[in-house]
Protein backbone atom coordinates (compact mmCIF):
# COMPACT_ATOMS: atom_id res chain seq x y z
CA MET A 1 23.38 42.26 -3.18
CA ARG A 2 25.14 39.34 -1.46
CA HIS A 3 22.78 39.72 1.46
CA ILE A 4 19.73 39.40 -0.83
CA VAL A 5 21.16 36.33 -2.56
CA LEU A 6 21.95 34.72 0.79
CA CYS A 7 18.44 35.47 2.08
CA MET A 8 16.90 33.98 -1.06
CA PHE A 9 19.03 30.83 -0.69
CA VAL A 10 18.05 30.41 2.98
CA LEU A 11 14.39 30.97 2.14
CA LEU A 12 14.43 28.43 -0.70
CA PHE A 13 16.26 25.87 1.44
CA SER A 14 13.81 26.22 4.32
CA VAL A 15 10.77 25.92 2.02
CA GLY A 16 12.33 22.87 0.33
CA SER A 17 12.96 21.21 3.68
CA ALA A 18 9.35 21.62 4.78
CA ALA A 19 8.13 20.17 1.48
CA GLU A 20 10.28 17.07 1.95
CA GLU A 21 8.36 15.98 5.05
CA THR A 22 6.04 13.52 3.40
CA PRO A 23 4.83 10.02 4.17
CA ARG A 24 6.17 7.19 1.99
CA LEU A 25 4.53 3.78 1.71
CA THR A 26 7.04 1.00 1.18
CA PHE A 27 6.14 -2.66 0.78
CA VAL A 28 8.23 -4.75 3.19
CA THR A 29 6.94 -8.02 1.73
CA LYS A 30 6.03 -8.83 -1.87
CA ARG A 31 2.99 -6.95 -3.18
CA ILE A 32 2.56 -9.18 -6.25
CA VAL A 33 2.00 -12.80 -5.31
CA ASN A 34 1.00 -15.97 -7.13
CA VAL A 35 -0.32 -18.43 -4.56
CA GLY A 36 -0.45 -21.24 -7.13
CA GLU A 37 -3.20 -23.82 -7.33
CA VAL A 38 -6.09 -23.78 -4.84
CA LYS A 39 -9.27 -25.81 -4.61
CA GLN A 40 -12.55 -24.13 -5.45
CA GLY A 41 -14.32 -23.04 -2.27
CA GLU A 42 -11.12 -22.46 -0.28
CA LYS A 43 -10.45 -19.12 1.34
CA VAL A 44 -6.97 -17.85 0.51
CA LYS A 45 -5.40 -15.48 3.02
CA HIS A 46 -2.28 -13.42 2.34
CA THR A 47 -0.65 -10.74 4.46
CA VAL A 48 1.37 -7.89 2.98
CA GLU A 49 3.52 -5.82 5.31
CA ILE A 50 3.93 -2.10 4.65
CA LYS A 51 6.11 0.54 6.29
CA ASN A 52 6.07 4.32 6.45
CA THR A 53 9.58 5.23 5.30
CA GLY A 54 8.72 8.92 5.11
CA ASP A 55 9.09 11.81 7.55
CA ALA A 56 5.38 12.46 8.22
CA PRO A 57 2.45 10.31 9.39
CA LEU A 58 1.05 8.03 6.70
CA VAL A 59 -2.75 7.83 6.62
CA ILE A 60 -4.52 4.99 4.82
CA LEU A 61 -7.59 6.71 3.42
CA GLN A 62 -9.19 3.74 1.69
CA ILE A 63 -8.59 0.14 0.69
CA SER A 64 -10.52 -0.93 -2.41
CA LYS A 65 -10.70 -4.30 -4.11
CA SER A 66 -11.48 -5.50 -7.61
CA CYS A 67 -13.91 -8.24 -6.56
CA ASN A 68 -16.62 -8.75 -3.95
CA CYS A 69 -15.01 -12.13 -3.28
CA THR A 70 -12.07 -10.28 -1.70
CA THR A 71 -11.71 -8.56 1.65
CA ALA A 72 -8.77 -6.41 2.70
CA LYS A 73 -8.10 -4.80 6.05
CA ALA A 74 -5.21 -2.83 7.54
CA SER A 75 -3.99 -3.61 11.04
CA GLN A 76 -3.82 0.17 11.57
CA ASN A 77 -4.72 3.16 9.42
CA ILE A 78 -2.21 5.73 10.69
CA LEU A 79 1.50 4.93 10.66
CA LYS A 80 4.06 7.24 12.22
CA PRO A 81 7.41 7.47 10.45
CA GLY A 82 9.16 4.10 10.78
CA GLU A 83 6.01 2.18 11.78
CA LYS A 84 4.78 -0.96 10.03
CA ALA A 85 1.31 -2.37 9.44
CA ASP A 86 -0.19 -5.48 7.89
CA ILE A 87 -2.69 -5.51 5.04
CA VAL A 88 -4.58 -8.79 5.33
CA VAL A 89 -6.20 -9.88 2.06
CA GLU A 90 -8.62 -12.80 1.95
CA VAL A 91 -10.12 -14.25 -1.24
CA ASP A 92 -13.13 -16.57 -1.21
CA THR A 93 -12.82 -18.86 -4.25
CA LYS A 94 -16.42 -20.12 -4.02
CA GLY A 95 -17.89 -20.12 -7.55
CA ARG A 96 -14.56 -19.29 -9.18
CA ILE A 97 -12.54 -21.46 -11.55
CA GLY A 98 -9.33 -21.09 -13.55
CA THR A 99 -6.87 -18.21 -13.38
CA ASN A 100 -7.99 -15.45 -11.01
CA ILE A 101 -6.24 -12.15 -10.38
CA MET A 102 -7.38 -10.02 -7.44
CA ASN A 103 -6.29 -6.41 -7.16
CA VAL A 104 -6.30 -4.40 -3.95
CA THR A 105 -5.59 -0.68 -4.00
CA ILE A 106 -4.42 1.24 -0.96
CA THR A 107 -5.17 4.95 -1.19
CA ALA A 108 -2.99 7.01 1.15
CA ASN A 109 -1.76 10.56 1.73
CA THR A 110 1.49 9.81 -0.11
CA PRO A 111 2.78 11.56 -3.23
CA GLU A 112 1.86 8.46 -5.30
CA LYS A 113 -1.68 8.34 -3.76
CA GLU A 114 -2.40 4.73 -4.85
CA HIS A 115 -0.44 1.55 -4.12
CA ALA A 116 -1.41 -1.79 -5.68
CA ILE A 117 -1.39 -5.33 -4.33
CA ARG A 118 -2.03 -8.20 -6.75
CA ILE A 119 -2.79 -11.78 -5.80
CA SER A 120 -3.18 -14.41 -8.48
CA MET A 121 -4.12 -18.07 -8.28
CA ASN A 122 -5.35 -21.00 -10.34
CA VAL A 123 -8.64 -22.28 -8.91
CA VAL A 124 -9.38 -25.96 -9.62
CA LYS A 125 -12.34 -28.21 -8.78
């Protein structure tokens, strides 16, 4: 009986260890930023640094944005454990006025699946 219990414990521990090898996306720099007041027509650029703090490769599957006035690009799409990458977000304020909030969503192979970046600004003439 002890032998069966010991085997079950070893089996559960080894399965649990394999399941723990997952990528983790951690924001190194702030992911929610207010850039303040900007003049209409300016292009606002902000870089967010991310890091894979998990035990498996992190794969960025998609980067989506809430507005066609926004572009977002990763410096690399696959991060080994411990590696960092930059997400460069650029907002074109042409035709915009007042308070603007731009959302960028990183979809990755992490347990959380989606990770949000938010950039807000007050566009003035």
